[in-house]
Protein backbone atom coordinates (compact mmCIF):
# COMPACT_ATOMS: atom_id res chain seq x y z
CA MET A 1 59.46 16.76 -25.49
CA LYS A 2 56.68 17.52 -22.78
CA THR A 3 55.46 14.86 -21.04
CA ILE A 4 51.77 14.54 -20.35
CA ASN A 5 50.28 12.95 -17.40
CA ARG A 6 47.50 11.10 -17.88
CA LEU A 7 44.94 9.46 -15.22
CA PRO A 8 45.18 5.54 -15.16
CA PRO A 9 41.74 4.31 -16.77
CA ALA A 10 40.18 3.40 -13.73
CA LYS A 11 40.82 6.77 -11.89
CA SER A 12 39.72 8.64 -15.20
CA ASN A 13 36.27 6.38 -15.22
CA GLN A 14 35.73 7.24 -11.63
CA ARG A 15 36.44 10.62 -12.30
CA SER A 16 33.81 10.59 -14.98
CA CYS A 17 31.31 9.10 -12.68
CA TRP A 18 31.77 12.22 -9.89
CA ILE A 19 31.53 14.69 -12.51
CA VAL A 20 28.09 13.15 -13.97
CA THR A 21 26.82 12.87 -10.31
CA GLY A 22 27.80 16.54 -9.41
CA ILE A 23 26.14 18.14 -12.44
CA PHE A 24 23.05 15.78 -12.11
CA SER A 25 22.99 16.73 -8.25
CA LEU A 26 23.29 20.57 -8.88
CA THR A 27 20.77 20.34 -11.90
CA LEU A 28 18.43 18.95 -8.95
CA PHE A 29 18.86 21.87 -6.97
CA LEU A 30 18.57 24.59 -9.73
CA VAL A 31 15.84 23.20 -11.68
CA PRO A 32 12.55 24.25 -10.22
CA GLN A 33 10.91 21.13 -9.10
CA ALA A 34 6.82 21.26 -9.72
CA ALA A 35 5.25 20.34 -6.52
CA PRO A 36 4.05 16.56 -6.42
CA ALA A 37 0.19 16.05 -7.31
CA ALA A 38 -2.22 14.98 -4.32
CA THR A 39 -2.74 11.43 -3.91
CA SER A 40 -6.27 10.20 -4.80
CA LEU A 41 -8.04 7.64 -2.79
CA LEU A 42 -10.97 5.51 -4.04
CA ILE A 43 -13.21 3.91 -1.25
CA GLU A 44 -15.52 0.98 -2.56
CA GLN A 45 -18.40 0.91 -0.02
CA THR A 46 -21.04 -0.59 -0.90
CA GLY A 47 -23.83 -1.31 2.10
CA PRO A 48 -21.31 -1.55 4.77
CA TYR A 49 -22.34 -3.12 7.87
CA ALA A 50 -23.62 -1.41 10.89
CA GLY A 51 -20.75 1.81 11.53
CA TYR A 52 -18.05 0.07 10.04
CA GLY A 53 -17.21 2.38 6.99
CA TYR A 54 -15.09 5.23 6.23
CA GLY A 55 -17.23 8.19 7.72
CA LEU A 56 -19.21 6.08 9.56
CA THR A 57 -19.86 6.08 13.31
CA SER A 58 -17.62 3.15 14.53
CA TRP A 59 -14.67 4.29 12.20
CA THR A 60 -14.40 7.44 13.60
CA GLY A 61 -10.46 7.27 14.11
CA MET A 62 -10.07 5.21 10.90
CA SER A 63 -11.52 8.07 8.73
CA THR A 64 -9.52 10.65 10.41
CA ALA A 65 -5.95 8.66 9.95
CA LEU A 66 -7.38 8.69 6.04
CA ASN A 67 -8.01 11.99 6.10
CA ASN A 68 -5.01 13.16 7.71
CA ALA A 69 -3.10 11.25 5.07
CA PHE A 70 -4.86 11.93 1.83
CA GLY A 71 -6.89 15.14 2.72
CA ALA A 72 -10.53 14.94 2.82
CA GLY A 73 -10.88 16.58 -0.90
CA ASN A 74 -8.56 13.58 -2.17
CA ILE A 75 -10.99 11.01 -1.08
CA THR A 76 -13.91 9.44 -3.19
CA VAL A 77 -16.59 7.17 -1.58
CA ASN A 78 -18.36 5.24 -4.58
CA SER A 79 -20.80 2.60 -3.58
CA ALA A 80 -20.14 0.58 -7.19
CA PRO A 81 -17.11 1.53 -9.08
CA LEU A 82 -15.49 -1.80 -9.34
CA ASN A 83 -17.11 -2.89 -12.60
CA ASN A 84 -15.45 0.20 -14.43
CA LEU A 85 -11.84 0.14 -15.02
CA SER A 86 -11.13 3.10 -16.62
CA TYR A 87 -12.87 4.68 -13.45
CA LEU A 88 -10.78 2.60 -11.15
CA LEU A 89 -7.43 3.77 -12.98
CA SER A 90 -8.25 7.38 -12.57
CA PHE A 91 -7.38 6.96 -8.86
CA ASP A 92 -3.85 6.40 -7.29
CA ARG A 93 -5.25 4.05 -4.53
CA LEU A 94 -8.07 2.04 -3.66
CA TRP A 95 -9.77 0.78 -0.71
CA ILE A 96 -12.77 -1.91 -0.49
CA THR A 97 -14.86 -1.98 2.80
CA PRO A 98 -16.78 -5.19 3.05
CA PRO A 99 -20.43 -5.18 2.62
CA ASN A 100 -23.48 -6.85 4.81
CA PRO A 101 -22.56 -10.55 5.05
CA GLY A 102 -23.48 -12.63 1.74
CA GLY A 103 -21.85 -10.09 -0.90
CA SER A 104 -19.02 -11.21 -2.88
CA LEU A 105 -17.14 -9.59 -5.83
CA THR A 106 -18.29 -10.66 -9.40
CA ALA A 107 -15.61 -12.05 -11.73
CA ALA A 108 -15.79 -8.71 -13.66
CA GLU A 109 -14.88 -6.80 -10.66
CA ILE A 110 -12.21 -9.50 -9.55
CA SER A 111 -10.46 -9.07 -12.98
CA ASN A 112 -10.69 -4.92 -12.93
CA VAL A 113 -8.94 -5.19 -9.25
CA GLN A 114 -6.37 -7.27 -10.79
CA ALA A 115 -5.69 -5.04 -13.44
CA PHE A 116 -5.50 -2.39 -10.86
CA ILE A 117 -2.99 -3.95 -8.66
CA ALA A 118 -0.87 -4.80 -11.50
CA THR A 119 -0.10 -1.24 -11.93
CA GLY A 120 1.60 -1.51 -8.76
CA ARG A 121 -0.59 0.90 -6.76
CA ARG A 122 -1.39 0.11 -3.47
CA VAL A 123 -4.73 -1.51 -2.30
CA VAL A 124 -6.45 -2.34 0.70
CA LEU A 125 -8.76 -5.38 0.81
CA LEU A 126 -11.09 -5.67 3.94
CA GLY A 127 -13.01 -8.78 5.20
CA GLU A 128 -14.35 -10.03 8.48
CA ASN A 129 -15.08 -13.46 10.06
CA ASN A 130 -17.17 -16.74 8.75
CA SER A 131 -20.24 -14.71 8.25
CA TRP A 132 -18.55 -12.67 5.46
CA ALA A 133 -16.72 -16.46 3.98
CA ALA A 134 -17.99 -15.46 0.52
CA TRP A 135 -16.41 -11.84 0.56
CA ASN A 136 -13.35 -13.18 1.86
CA THR A 137 -12.96 -15.89 -0.76
CA SER A 138 -13.45 -13.21 -3.66
CA ILE A 139 -11.25 -10.46 -2.54
CA LEU A 140 -8.72 -12.92 -1.83
CA LEU A 141 -8.83 -14.42 -5.00
CA THR A 142 -7.61 -10.86 -6.32
CA VAL A 143 -4.16 -11.67 -5.10
CA GLY A 144 -4.35 -15.49 -5.45
CA GLY A 145 -4.83 -16.08 -1.83
CA THR A 146 -7.58 -18.45 0.13
CA TYR A 147 -9.69 -17.91 2.98
CA SER A 148 -8.99 -20.37 5.79
CA GLY A 149 -11.42 -19.79 8.60
CA VAL A 150 -10.77 -17.56 11.84
CA GLU A 151 -8.36 -16.65 14.10
CA THR A 152 -7.65 -18.40 17.69
CA SER A 153 -6.67 -15.49 19.61
CA ASP A 154 -8.11 -12.13 19.98
CA THR A 155 -4.63 -9.87 20.62
CA LEU A 156 -2.10 -10.43 18.02
CA THR A 157 1.72 -9.55 18.14
CA PRO A 158 3.58 -8.24 15.08
CA ALA A 159 5.44 -10.83 12.93
CA ILE A 160 7.64 -8.81 10.70
CA THR A 161 9.15 -5.53 10.92
CA HIS A 162 7.09 -3.08 8.52
CA PRO A 163 5.94 0.34 8.60
CA LEU A 164 2.34 -1.07 9.34
CA THR A 165 3.70 -2.34 12.59
CA ALA A 166 5.98 0.44 13.53
CA GLY A 167 5.05 1.44 17.46
CA VAL A 168 2.42 -1.31 17.35
CA THR A 169 3.32 -4.05 20.06
CA SER A 170 -0.32 -5.73 19.88
CA LEU A 171 -3.42 -5.61 17.38
CA HIS A 172 -6.76 -6.18 19.16
CA THR A 173 -8.92 -7.81 16.57
CA ILE A 174 -12.26 -8.69 18.55
CA ALA A 175 -15.77 -6.81 19.45
CA ASP A 176 -18.12 -9.16 18.38
CA GLY A 177 -17.03 -11.82 16.25
CA LEU A 178 -13.75 -13.49 15.40
CA ALA A 179 -11.63 -12.29 12.63
CA GLY A 180 -10.92 -14.08 9.44
CA ILE A 181 -7.58 -15.80 8.43
CA ALA A 182 -5.88 -15.98 5.05
CA ALA A 183 -3.93 -18.43 3.38
CA GLY A 184 -0.85 -17.17 1.58
CA GLY A 185 0.69 -14.02 1.27
CA THR A 186 3.22 -12.55 4.22
CA SER A 187 1.42 -12.60 7.45
CA VAL A 188 1.84 -9.17 9.24
CA PHE A 189 0.96 -10.71 12.80
CA ASN A 190 1.27 -13.82 14.36
CA GLU A 191 -1.90 -14.95 12.91
CA ASN A 192 -2.82 -14.22 9.13
CA VAL A 193 -5.28 -11.83 9.87
CA ALA A 194 -3.45 -9.04 7.86
CA THR A 195 -1.44 -10.13 4.96
CA LEU A 196 0.79 -8.22 2.38
CA TRP A 197 0.69 -9.50 -1.16
CA GLY A 198 2.93 -9.33 -4.07
CA GLY A 199 6.43 -9.39 -4.84
CA SER A 200 6.45 -5.62 -4.15
CA GLN A 201 4.03 -5.87 -0.99
CA SER A 202 1.48 -3.31 -2.67
CA VAL A 203 -1.70 -5.04 -1.30
CA LEU A 204 -3.00 -5.48 2.09
CA SER A 205 -5.65 -7.61 3.05
CA LEU A 206 -7.24 -7.33 6.66
CA LEU A 207 -10.03 -9.68 7.89
CA SER A 208 -11.14 -7.75 10.34
CA VAL A 209 -13.53 -4.60 10.37
CA ASN A 210 -13.25 -4.31 14.29
CA VAL A 211 -9.48 -3.58 13.84
CA MET A 212 -10.57 -0.26 12.76
CA ASP A 213 -13.56 0.06 15.36
CA ASP A 214 -12.84 2.76 18.09
CA SER A 215 -13.71 0.73 20.81
CA THR A 216 -11.01 -1.85 20.34
CA GLY A 217 -7.89 0.98 20.23
CA ASN A 218 -5.03 0.08 17.54
CA THR A 219 -4.73 3.91 16.90
CA GLN A 220 -1.14 3.59 16.37
CA PHE A 221 -2.05 0.75 13.34
CA ARG A 222 -4.64 2.72 12.04
CA VAL A 223 -2.42 5.62 11.44
CA ASN A 224 0.18 3.27 10.02
CA MET A 225 -2.69 1.80 7.73
CA ALA A 226 -3.32 5.09 6.04
CA GLN A 227 0.25 6.32 5.98
CA TRP A 228 1.24 2.99 4.46
CA LEU A 229 -1.48 3.68 2.02
CA VAL A 230 -0.64 7.00 0.93
CA ALA A 231 3.09 6.69 0.78
CA VAL A 232 5.01 6.83 -2.61
CA PRO A 233 8.55 7.01 -3.34
CA GLU A 234 10.12 10.55 -3.30
CA PRO A 235 10.93 12.48 -6.78
CA THR A 236 14.79 12.39 -5.80
CA THR A 237 14.85 8.61 -5.32
CA PHE A 238 14.12 7.96 -9.06
CA ALA A 239 16.59 10.90 -9.77
CA LEU A 240 19.10 9.38 -7.85
CA LEU A 241 18.41 5.73 -9.09
CA GLY A 242 18.61 7.51 -12.55
CA LEU A 243 21.96 8.95 -11.71
CA GLY A 244 23.41 6.17 -10.78
CA ALA A 245 22.46 4.02 -14.00
CA LEU A 246 24.08 7.11 -16.13
CA ALA A 247 27.38 6.70 -14.32
CA LEU A 248 27.61 3.03 -14.56
CA LEU A 249 26.80 2.99 -18.02
CA ILE A 250 29.49 5.66 -18.62
CA SER A 251 32.04 4.03 -17.02
CA ARG A 252 30.99 0.60 -18.56
CA ARG A 253 31.52 2.23 -22.07
CA ARG A 254 34.75 4.07 -21.37
CA LYS A 255 35.88 0.63 -20.43
């Protein structure tokens, strides 16, 4: 009688996983991949203070960093978009520039920004010092934070290792006034001027318009901000995650 050698169950399951992995990986190479769509950025900019805004005189370096990251043609500046949720959701990223002192987001605008954040898209919320207290309070409401006053140091040092702090040894915040401080979130520096919010840390609040000011330096941080804002997981990352889940499912079903 002919003896048929069979693989032990564990090895058979392992071989099945490797077969699936090989087929899926080969598919990734053979099937033409569509070019990724450009990432769009909406900049809310209503009556910005002095030259502190995208495309304005004091933010030449910040504007260049955003243009390099997104492509100037993928950036839209609008003076009143936050009251239209469907319009907001037609963009991939959101940047909110502080207005002259005294302004603040309305309850409807706060709700719309929260809805945008809930999709997982990245957002930058900008504020300033005590003269913008009402504004700072309103933007921090979108992430469940509060405004707690101003910093005590003009030069900050990184508090976490993160793409925002890559190559950054210090951050200068002063030009004509102290930066604001948030309560809550994850502080990027030793004082809570720049803060990451949410479990996925998809929101960055920065309570200093001077950080983007050309006269304060901070070139590397500005580049990091723009690159962090535009960044999305590579398509192959999702494919590999799906592959791993499929292989695990097959293994469990065979057991």
